[in-house]
Amino acid sequence: MVINNNFKTGLILFFIGMLGVASLVPLIPQLLASKADSLPFSMEVMILIGVAQSSVMLILMIWLGMVFSKKVGLTVPVISALVHSENALEWLKPQIKPAVIGGVLAGVIILVFSSSLIGYLPEEFIKAGENFVIPWYARIFYGGITEELLIRWGLMSFFVWGLYRLTQKKDSEIRDYNYIVAIILAALAFGILHLPVAYALTSNVTPLLIAYIVIGNSAFGFIGGYLFWKYGLECAIGAHMMTHVTMMVGLSFVG
């Protein structure tokens, strides 16, 4: 049976995205521990439900990316080279330097931003955050890979196409502002999607805490979106991984 190259690409993206989903499994009992007595199902079933929900969302966003990225010129060059039996290393080399620079820059920005505001946040939130430790592998695999597939590959690709169709004539050359606005929208959407975590960790959700959550989680998105636009998805993935490495190293010195 001959497998379509697009299907192969989507399948590879799904499998690497599932590495991130799998890395979150040990965290589900930790997240639900305070509600263990009121859960509608056993912890094992809740874990299966969580994995199923994440898998469905991953499939949806990969599909969106497969459909709309080509329409707006956003690429996944290294994986495409592998699928087409080309030299993937030649496509990877130009991505390494911007990924490292972008990741370190984003990590430093987030560390400075967080440290400048942490003293003004609700104490309950700070203590809950100290007790909720995300392991390094979840940061690398879910943050670095899965979140990029969800936010950049799926959401940003769709936003660029939607803005283009709303603001320009069909078949006209896509203007840069479509990418810039889509980068901002996708980054802010990612930040906003983290707000339920704040409500789960504290009952004292202040405007400053909301700003801290949204801006802090959006910060990488501006850099990651630009790297996706200019170099390809793998560059954004590498930068996101490097951001978490930078933050973990920085926090180890502070702590």
C-alpha atoms as a PDB file:
ATOM      1  CA  MET A   1       0.000   0.000   0.000  1.00  0.00           C
ATOM      2  CA  VAL A   2       1.349   3.404  -0.999  1.00  0.00           C
ATOM      3  CA  ILE A   3       1.019   5.963   1.792  1.00  0.00           C
ATOM      4  CA  ASN A   4       0.497   9.578   0.810  1.00  0.00           C
ATOM      5  CA  ASN A   5       3.373  11.885   1.832  1.00  0.00           C
ATOM      6  CA  ASN A   6       0.957  14.266   3.551  1.00  0.00           C
ATOM      7  CA  PHE A   7      -0.374  11.378   5.613  1.00  0.00           C
ATOM      8  CA  LYS A   8       3.196  10.338   6.500  1.00  0.00           C
ATOM      9  CA  THR A   9       3.966  13.892   7.638  1.00  0.00           C
ATOM     10  CA  GLY A  10       0.825  14.059   9.745  1.00  0.00           C
ATOM     11  CA  LEU A  11       1.572  10.654  11.254  1.00  0.00           C
ATOM     12  CA  ILE A  12       5.101  11.703  12.251  1.00  0.00           C
ATOM     13  CA  LEU A  13       3.754  14.907  13.792  1.00  0.00           C
ATOM     14  CA  PHE A  14       1.148  12.923  15.719  1.00  0.00           C
ATOM     15  CA  PHE A  15       3.670  10.453  17.124  1.00  0.00           C
ATOM     16  CA  ILE A  16       6.117  13.128  18.274  1.00  0.00           C
ATOM     17  CA  GLY A  17       3.199  15.105  19.724  1.00  0.00           C
ATOM     18  CA  MET A  18       2.078  12.044  21.677  1.00  0.00           C
ATOM     19  CA  LEU A  19       5.475  11.990  23.394  1.00  0.00           C
ATOM     20  CA  GLY A  20       4.361  15.193  25.092  1.00  0.00           C
ATOM     21  CA  VAL A  21       0.913  13.844  25.914  1.00  0.00           C
ATOM     22  CA  ALA A  22       2.480  10.736  27.471  1.00  0.00           C
ATOM     23  CA  SER A  23       4.859  12.895  29.525  1.00  0.00           C
ATOM     24  CA  LEU A  24       1.879  14.519  31.266  1.00  0.00           C
ATOM     25  CA  VAL A  25       0.327  11.253  32.463  1.00  0.00           C
ATOM     26  CA  PRO A  26       2.223  11.234  35.817  1.00  0.00           C
ATOM     27  CA  LEU A  27       0.946  14.782  36.479  1.00  0.00           C
ATOM     28  CA  ILE A  28      -2.772  13.967  36.196  1.00  0.00           C
ATOM     29  CA  PRO A  29      -3.071  12.330  39.654  1.00  0.00           C
ATOM     30  CA  GLN A  30      -1.181  15.286  41.109  1.00  0.00           C
ATOM     31  CA  LEU A  31      -3.616  17.744  39.502  1.00  0.00           C
ATOM     32  CA  LEU A  32      -6.670  15.787  40.649  1.00  0.00           C
ATOM     33  CA  ALA A  33      -5.400  14.855  44.133  1.00  0.00           C
ATOM     34  CA  SER A  34      -7.387  17.590  45.894  1.00  0.00           C
ATOM     35  CA  LYS A  35     -10.596  16.394  44.190  1.00  0.00           C
ATOM     36  CA  ALA A  36      -9.974  12.649  44.527  1.00  0.00           C
ATOM     37  CA  ASP A  37     -13.045  12.089  46.729  1.00  0.00           C
ATOM     38  CA  SER A  38     -15.424  13.798  44.283  1.00  0.00           C
ATOM     39  CA  LEU A  39     -14.160  12.380  40.989  1.00  0.00           C
ATOM     40  CA  PRO A  40     -16.912  10.763  38.861  1.00  0.00           C
ATOM     41  CA  PHE A  41     -14.597   7.889  37.881  1.00  0.00           C
ATOM     42  CA  SER A  42     -11.537   6.117  39.215  1.00  0.00           C
ATOM     43  CA  MET A  43      -8.143   7.795  38.805  1.00  0.00           C
ATOM     44  CA  GLU A  44      -7.199   5.277  36.098  1.00  0.00           C
ATOM     45  CA  VAL A  45     -10.287   6.159  34.056  1.00  0.00           C
ATOM     46  CA  MET A  46      -9.662   9.886  34.556  1.00  0.00           C
ATOM     47  CA  ILE A  47      -6.135   9.409  33.197  1.00  0.00           C
ATOM     48  CA  LEU A  48      -7.523   7.603  30.130  1.00  0.00           C
ATOM     49  CA  ILE A  49     -10.060  10.401  29.600  1.00  0.00           C
ATOM     50  CA  GLY A  50      -7.309  13.024  29.872  1.00  0.00           C
ATOM     51  CA  VAL A  51      -5.103  11.218  27.354  1.00  0.00           C
ATOM     52  CA  ALA A  52      -8.043  10.739  24.975  1.00  0.00           C
ATOM     53  CA  GLN A  53      -8.991  14.425  25.133  1.00  0.00           C
ATOM     54  CA  SER A  54      -5.395  15.509  24.528  1.00  0.00           C
ATOM     55  CA  SER A  55      -5.057  13.053  21.634  1.00  0.00           C
ATOM     56  CA  VAL A  56      -8.203  14.316  19.930  1.00  0.00           C
ATOM     57  CA  MET A  57      -7.057  17.940  20.293  1.00  0.00           C
ATOM     58  CA  LEU A  58      -3.639  17.015  18.914  1.00  0.00           C
ATOM     59  CA  ILE A  59      -5.190  15.298  15.887  1.00  0.00           C
ATOM     60  CA  LEU A  60      -7.432  18.314  15.241  1.00  0.00           C
ATOM     61  CA  MET A  61      -4.569  20.808  15.377  1.00  0.00           C
ATOM     62  CA  ILE A  62      -2.297  18.655  13.234  1.00  0.00           C
ATOM     63  CA  TRP A  63      -5.089  18.446  10.667  1.00  0.00           C
ATOM     64  CA  LEU A  64      -5.556  22.237  10.759  1.00  0.00           C
ATOM     65  CA  GLY A  65      -1.835  22.682  10.224  1.00  0.00           C
ATOM     66  CA  MET A  66      -1.755  20.205   7.361  1.00  0.00           C
ATOM     67  CA  VAL A  67      -4.629  21.997   5.634  1.00  0.00           C
ATOM     68  CA  PHE A  68      -3.720  25.639   6.185  1.00  0.00           C
ATOM     69  CA  SER A  69       0.079  25.772   6.510  1.00  0.00           C
ATOM     70  CA  LYS A  70       0.530  25.031   2.806  1.00  0.00           C
ATOM     71  CA  LYS A  71      -1.949  27.730   1.874  1.00  0.00           C
ATOM     72  CA  VAL A  72       0.122  30.382   3.665  1.00  0.00           C
ATOM     73  CA  GLY A  73       3.649  29.075   3.136  1.00  0.00           C
ATOM     74  CA  LEU A  74       4.366  27.832   6.654  1.00  0.00           C
ATOM     75  CA  THR A  75       6.538  24.730   6.667  1.00  0.00           C
ATOM     76  CA  VAL A  76       7.929  21.765   8.549  1.00  0.00           C
ATOM     77  CA  PRO A  77      11.053  21.394   6.378  1.00  0.00           C
ATOM     78  CA  VAL A  78      13.065  18.778   8.274  1.00  0.00           C
ATOM     79  CA  ILE A  79      10.196  16.315   8.550  1.00  0.00           C
ATOM     80  CA  SER A  80       9.190  17.004   4.940  1.00  0.00           C
ATOM     81  CA  ALA A  81      12.747  16.187   3.867  1.00  0.00           C
ATOM     82  CA  LEU A  82      12.597  12.893   5.771  1.00  0.00           C
ATOM     83  CA  VAL A  83       9.274  12.005   4.186  1.00  0.00           C
ATOM     84  CA  HIS A  84      10.610  12.774   0.708  1.00  0.00           C
ATOM     85  CA  SER A  85      13.885  10.879   1.393  1.00  0.00           C
ATOM     86  CA  GLU A  86      15.930  14.072   1.105  1.00  0.00           C
ATOM     87  CA  ASN A  87      18.879  15.239   3.227  1.00  0.00           C
ATOM     88  CA  ALA A  88      17.090  16.396   6.391  1.00  0.00           C
ATOM     89  CA  LEU A  89      20.350  17.604   7.951  1.00  0.00           C
ATOM     90  CA  GLU A  90      20.695  20.294   5.303  1.00  0.00           C
ATOM     91  CA  TRP A  91      17.309  21.681   6.351  1.00  0.00           C
ATOM     92  CA  LEU A  92      18.103  21.351  10.059  1.00  0.00           C
ATOM     93  CA  LYS A  93      21.433  23.218  10.032  1.00  0.00           C
ATOM     94  CA  PRO A  94      19.988  26.714   9.314  1.00  0.00           C
ATOM     95  CA  GLN A  95      17.502  26.242  12.173  1.00  0.00           C
ATOM     96  CA  ILE A  96      19.959  25.479  14.960  1.00  0.00           C
ATOM     97  CA  LYS A  97      21.434  28.936  15.576  1.00  0.00           C
ATOM     98  CA  PRO A  98      18.130  30.888  15.581  1.00  0.00           C
ATOM     99  CA  ALA A  99      16.546  28.175  17.752  1.00  0.00           C
ATOM    100  CA  VAL A 100      19.304  28.451  20.380  1.00  0.00           C
ATOM    101  CA  ILE A 101      19.354  32.267  20.328  1.00  0.00           C
ATOM    102  CA  GLY A 102      15.564  32.545  20.378  1.00  0.00           C
ATOM    103  CA  GLY A 103      15.204  29.977  23.140  1.00  0.00           C
ATOM    104  CA  VAL A 104      17.821  31.515  25.421  1.00  0.00           C
ATOM    105  CA  LEU A 105      16.402  35.003  24.823  1.00  0.00           C
ATOM    106  CA  ALA A 106      12.852  33.884  25.621  1.00  0.00           C
ATOM    107  CA  GLY A 107      14.016  32.011  28.723  1.00  0.00           C
ATOM    108  CA  VAL A 108      15.845  35.055  30.081  1.00  0.00           C
ATOM    109  CA  ILE A 109      12.891  37.342  29.346  1.00  0.00           C
ATOM    110  CA  ILE A 110      10.470  35.017  31.155  1.00  0.00           C
ATOM    111  CA  LEU A 111      12.791  34.617  34.151  1.00  0.00           C
ATOM    112  CA  VAL A 112      13.224  38.385  34.506  1.00  0.00           C
ATOM    113  CA  PHE A 113       9.486  38.993  34.080  1.00  0.00           C
ATOM    114  CA  SER A 114       8.552  36.296  36.610  1.00  0.00           C
ATOM    115  CA  SER A 115      11.089  37.359  39.219  1.00  0.00           C
ATOM    116  CA  SER A 116       9.987  40.985  39.001  1.00  0.00           C
ATOM    117  CA  LEU A 117       6.326  40.147  39.720  1.00  0.00           C
ATOM    118  CA  ILE A 118       6.487  37.081  41.958  1.00  0.00           C
ATOM    119  CA  GLY A 119       6.560  39.128  45.162  1.00  0.00           C
ATOM    120  CA  TYR A 120       3.237  40.794  44.289  1.00  0.00           C
ATOM    121  CA  LEU A 121       1.257  37.617  43.584  1.00  0.00           C
ATOM    122  CA  PRO A 122      -1.157  35.895  46.026  1.00  0.00           C
ATOM    123  CA  GLU A 123       0.716  33.792  48.575  1.00  0.00           C
ATOM    124  CA  GLU A 124      -1.682  30.889  48.053  1.00  0.00           C
ATOM    125  CA  PHE A 125      -0.778  30.803  44.361  1.00  0.00           C
ATOM    126  CA  ILE A 126       2.962  30.890  45.073  1.00  0.00           C
ATOM    127  CA  LYS A 127       2.767  28.042  47.608  1.00  0.00           C
ATOM    128  CA  ALA A 128       0.583  25.939  45.320  1.00  0.00           C
ATOM    129  CA  GLY A 129       3.031  26.533  42.464  1.00  0.00           C
ATOM    130  CA  GLU A 130       5.940  25.401  44.638  1.00  0.00           C
ATOM    131  CA  ASN A 131       4.128  22.154  45.421  1.00  0.00           C
ATOM    132  CA  PHE A 132       3.155  21.530  41.785  1.00  0.00           C
ATOM    133  CA  VAL A 133       6.428  20.585  40.126  1.00  0.00           C
ATOM    134  CA  ILE A 134       6.436  19.843  36.397  1.00  0.00           C
ATOM    135  CA  PRO A 135       9.227  17.352  35.591  1.00  0.00           C
ATOM    136  CA  TRP A 136      11.879  18.281  33.056  1.00  0.00           C
ATOM    137  CA  TYR A 137      10.734  15.699  30.506  1.00  0.00           C
ATOM    138  CA  ALA A 138       7.192  17.131  30.450  1.00  0.00           C
ATOM    139  CA  ARG A 139       8.582  20.636  29.918  1.00  0.00           C
ATOM    140  CA  ILE A 140      10.767  19.430  27.047  1.00  0.00           C
ATOM    141  CA  PHE A 141       8.372  17.051  25.296  1.00  0.00           C
ATOM    142  CA  TYR A 142       4.969  18.606  25.986  1.00  0.00           C
ATOM    143  CA  GLY A 143       6.116  22.228  26.090  1.00  0.00           C
ATOM    144  CA  GLY A 144       8.667  21.894  23.330  1.00  0.00           C
ATOM    145  CA  ILE A 145       6.837  19.625  20.898  1.00  0.00           C
ATOM    146  CA  THR A 146       3.135  19.202  21.650  1.00  0.00           C
ATOM    147  CA  GLU A 147       2.422  22.853  22.448  1.00  0.00           C
ATOM    148  CA  GLU A 148       4.140  23.908  19.215  1.00  0.00           C
ATOM    149  CA  LEU A 149       1.970  21.510  17.237  1.00  0.00           C
ATOM    150  CA  LEU A 150      -1.163  22.825  18.934  1.00  0.00           C
ATOM    151  CA  ILE A 151      -0.406  26.545  18.913  1.00  0.00           C
ATOM    152  CA  ARG A 152       1.988  27.237  16.051  1.00  0.00           C
ATOM    153  CA  TRP A 153       1.297  24.435  13.564  1.00  0.00           C
ATOM    154  CA  GLY A 154      -2.469  24.335  14.079  1.00  0.00           C
ATOM    155  CA  LEU A 155      -3.704  27.626  15.492  1.00  0.00           C
ATOM    156  CA  MET A 156      -1.230  30.083  13.962  1.00  0.00           C
ATOM    157  CA  SER A 157      -1.496  28.517  10.489  1.00  0.00           C
ATOM    158  CA  PHE A 158      -5.269  28.840  10.668  1.00  0.00           C
ATOM    159  CA  PHE A 159      -5.073  32.435  11.933  1.00  0.00           C
ATOM    160  CA  VAL A 160      -2.740  33.474   9.104  1.00  0.00           C
ATOM    161  CA  TRP A 161      -5.078  31.973   6.513  1.00  0.00           C
ATOM    162  CA  GLY A 162      -8.171  33.474   8.153  1.00  0.00           C
ATOM    163  CA  LEU A 163      -6.648  36.960   8.316  1.00  0.00           C
ATOM    164  CA  TYR A 164      -5.461  36.681   4.728  1.00  0.00           C
ATOM    165  CA  ARG A 165      -8.928  35.731   3.476  1.00  0.00           C
ATOM    166  CA  LEU A 166     -10.516  38.534   5.505  1.00  0.00           C
ATOM    167  CA  THR A 167      -8.129  41.314   4.459  1.00  0.00           C
ATOM    168  CA  GLN A 168      -6.872  40.415   0.983  1.00  0.00           C
ATOM    169  CA  LYS A 169      -8.143  39.273  -2.368  1.00  0.00           C
ATOM    170  CA  LYS A 170      -7.890  35.596  -3.172  1.00  0.00           C
ATOM    171  CA  ASP A 171      -4.631  34.581  -4.925  1.00  0.00           C
ATOM    172  CA  SER A 172      -2.910  37.852  -3.952  1.00  0.00           C
ATOM    173  CA  GLU A 173       0.491  37.677  -2.263  1.00  0.00           C
ATOM    174  CA  ILE A 174       0.131  37.247   1.497  1.00  0.00           C
ATOM    175  CA  ARG A 175       1.334  40.366   3.280  1.00  0.00           C
ATOM    176  CA  ASP A 176       3.527  40.292   6.352  1.00  0.00           C
ATOM    177  CA  TYR A 177       0.936  41.830   8.676  1.00  0.00           C
ATOM    178  CA  ASN A 178      -1.142  38.644   8.430  1.00  0.00           C
ATOM    179  CA  TYR A 179       1.705  36.646   9.929  1.00  0.00           C
ATOM    180  CA  ILE A 180       2.488  39.278  12.579  1.00  0.00           C
ATOM    181  CA  VAL A 181      -1.116  39.539  13.782  1.00  0.00           C
ATOM    182  CA  ALA A 182      -1.486  35.749  13.732  1.00  0.00           C
ATOM    183  CA  ILE A 183       1.694  35.386  15.810  1.00  0.00           C
ATOM    184  CA  ILE A 184       0.284  37.795  18.408  1.00  0.00           C
ATOM    185  CA  LEU A 185      -3.163  36.164  18.457  1.00  0.00           C
ATOM    186  CA  ALA A 186      -1.776  32.632  18.818  1.00  0.00           C
ATOM    187  CA  ALA A 187       0.609  33.704  21.581  1.00  0.00           C
ATOM    188  CA  LEU A 188      -2.129  35.483  23.537  1.00  0.00           C
ATOM    189  CA  ALA A 189      -4.522  32.554  23.060  1.00  0.00           C
ATOM    190  CA  PHE A 190      -1.895  30.272  24.564  1.00  0.00           C
ATOM    191  CA  GLY A 191      -1.495  32.598  27.531  1.00  0.00           C
ATOM    192  CA  ILE A 192      -5.239  32.852  28.101  1.00  0.00           C
ATOM    193  CA  LEU A 193      -5.602  29.060  27.968  1.00  0.00           C
ATOM    194  CA  HIS A 194      -3.406  28.881  31.084  1.00  0.00           C
ATOM    195  CA  LEU A 195      -5.862  30.905  33.197  1.00  0.00           C
ATOM    196  CA  PRO A 196      -7.819  27.827  34.410  1.00  0.00           C
ATOM    197  CA  VAL A 197      -4.589  26.674  36.075  1.00  0.00           C
ATOM    198  CA  ALA A 198      -4.507  29.917  38.080  1.00  0.00           C
ATOM    199  CA  TYR A 199      -8.104  29.373  39.223  1.00  0.00           C
ATOM    200  CA  ALA A 200      -7.219  25.786  40.180  1.00  0.00           C
ATOM    201  CA  LEU A 201      -4.250  26.883  42.282  1.00  0.00           C
ATOM    202  CA  THR A 202      -5.832  29.815  44.129  1.00  0.00           C
ATOM    203  CA  SER A 203      -9.203  31.392  44.900  1.00  0.00           C
ATOM    204  CA  ASN A 204      -7.583  34.850  44.992  1.00  0.00           C
ATOM    205  CA  VAL A 205      -7.228  35.572  41.267  1.00  0.00           C
ATOM    206  CA  THR A 206      -6.136  39.212  41.012  1.00  0.00           C
ATOM    207  CA  PRO A 207      -5.742  41.330  37.845  1.00  0.00           C
ATOM    208  CA  LEU A 208      -1.973  41.213  38.369  1.00  0.00           C
ATOM    209  CA  LEU A 209      -2.064  37.417  38.555  1.00  0.00           C
ATOM    210  CA  ILE A 210      -4.070  37.284  35.326  1.00  0.00           C
ATOM    211  CA  ALA A 211      -1.514  39.540  33.632  1.00  0.00           C
ATOM    212  CA  TYR A 212       1.307  37.414  35.045  1.00  0.00           C
ATOM    213  CA  ILE A 213      -0.223  34.205  33.647  1.00  0.00           C
ATOM    214  CA  VAL A 214      -1.199  35.585  30.239  1.00  0.00           C
ATOM    215  CA  ILE A 215       1.934  37.637  29.519  1.00  0.00           C
ATOM    216  CA  GLY A 216       4.328  35.099  31.018  1.00  0.00           C
ATOM    217  CA  ASN A 217       2.921  32.270  28.942  1.00  0.00           C
ATOM    218  CA  SER A 218       2.603  34.423  25.810  1.00  0.00           C
ATOM    219  CA  ALA A 219       6.189  35.660  25.892  1.00  0.00           C
ATOM    220  CA  PHE A 220       7.728  32.744  24.041  1.00  0.00           C
ATOM    221  CA  GLY A 221       4.909  32.732  21.504  1.00  0.00           C
ATOM    222  CA  PHE A 222       6.078  35.963  19.882  1.00  0.00           C
ATOM    223  CA  ILE A 223       9.553  34.528  19.339  1.00  0.00           C
ATOM    224  CA  GLY A 224       8.334  31.032  18.478  1.00  0.00           C
ATOM    225  CA  GLY A 225       5.836  32.368  15.971  1.00  0.00           C
ATOM    226  CA  TYR A 226       8.493  34.418  14.211  1.00  0.00           C
ATOM    227  CA  LEU A 227      10.833  31.402  14.026  1.00  0.00           C
ATOM    228  CA  PHE A 228       8.048  29.226  12.626  1.00  0.00           C
ATOM    229  CA  TRP A 229       7.316  31.853   9.990  1.00  0.00           C
ATOM    230  CA  LYS A 230      10.905  32.421   8.931  1.00  0.00           C
ATOM    231  CA  TYR A 231      12.593  29.028   9.463  1.00  0.00           C
ATOM    232  CA  GLY A 232       9.989  26.321   9.957  1.00  0.00           C
ATOM    233  CA  LEU A 233       8.208  24.495  12.754  1.00  0.00           C
ATOM    234  CA  GLU A 234      11.258  22.543  13.891  1.00  0.00           C
ATOM    235  CA  CYS A 235      13.042  25.798  14.663  1.00  0.00           C
ATOM    236  CA  ALA A 236      10.162  26.879  16.915  1.00  0.00           C
ATOM    237  CA  ILE A 237      10.196  23.446  18.587  1.00  0.00           C
ATOM    238  CA  GLY A 238      13.936  23.656  19.231  1.00  0.00           C
ATOM    239  CA  ALA A 239      13.615  27.187  20.590  1.00  0.00           C
ATOM    240  CA  HIS A 240      10.758  26.179  22.891  1.00  0.00           C
ATOM    241  CA  MET A 241      12.854  23.328  24.268  1.00  0.00           C
ATOM    242  CA  MET A 242      15.796  25.694  24.721  1.00  0.00           C
ATOM    243  CA  THR A 243      13.549  28.154  26.560  1.00  0.00           C
ATOM    244  CA  HIS A 244      12.667  25.518  29.156  1.00  0.00           C
ATOM    245  CA  VAL A 245      16.307  24.450  29.478  1.00  0.00           C
ATOM    246  CA  THR A 246      17.326  28.083  30.030  1.00  0.00           C
ATOM    247  CA  MET A 247      14.624  28.559  32.653  1.00  0.00           C
ATOM    248  CA  MET A 248      15.502  25.348  34.487  1.00  0.00           C
ATOM    249  CA  VAL A 249      19.187  26.283  34.560  1.00  0.00           C
ATOM    250  CA  GLY A 250      18.377  29.826  35.682  1.00  0.00           C
ATOM    251  CA  LEU A 251      16.056  28.646  38.446  1.00  0.00           C
ATOM    252  CA  SER A 252      18.631  26.137  39.675  1.00  0.00           C
ATOM    253  CA  PHE A 253      21.084  28.991  40.281  1.00  0.00           C
ATOM    254  CA  VAL A 254      18.429  31.122  41.995  1.00  0.00           C
ATOM    255  CA  GLY A 255      17.093  28.252  44.067  1.00  0.00           C
END
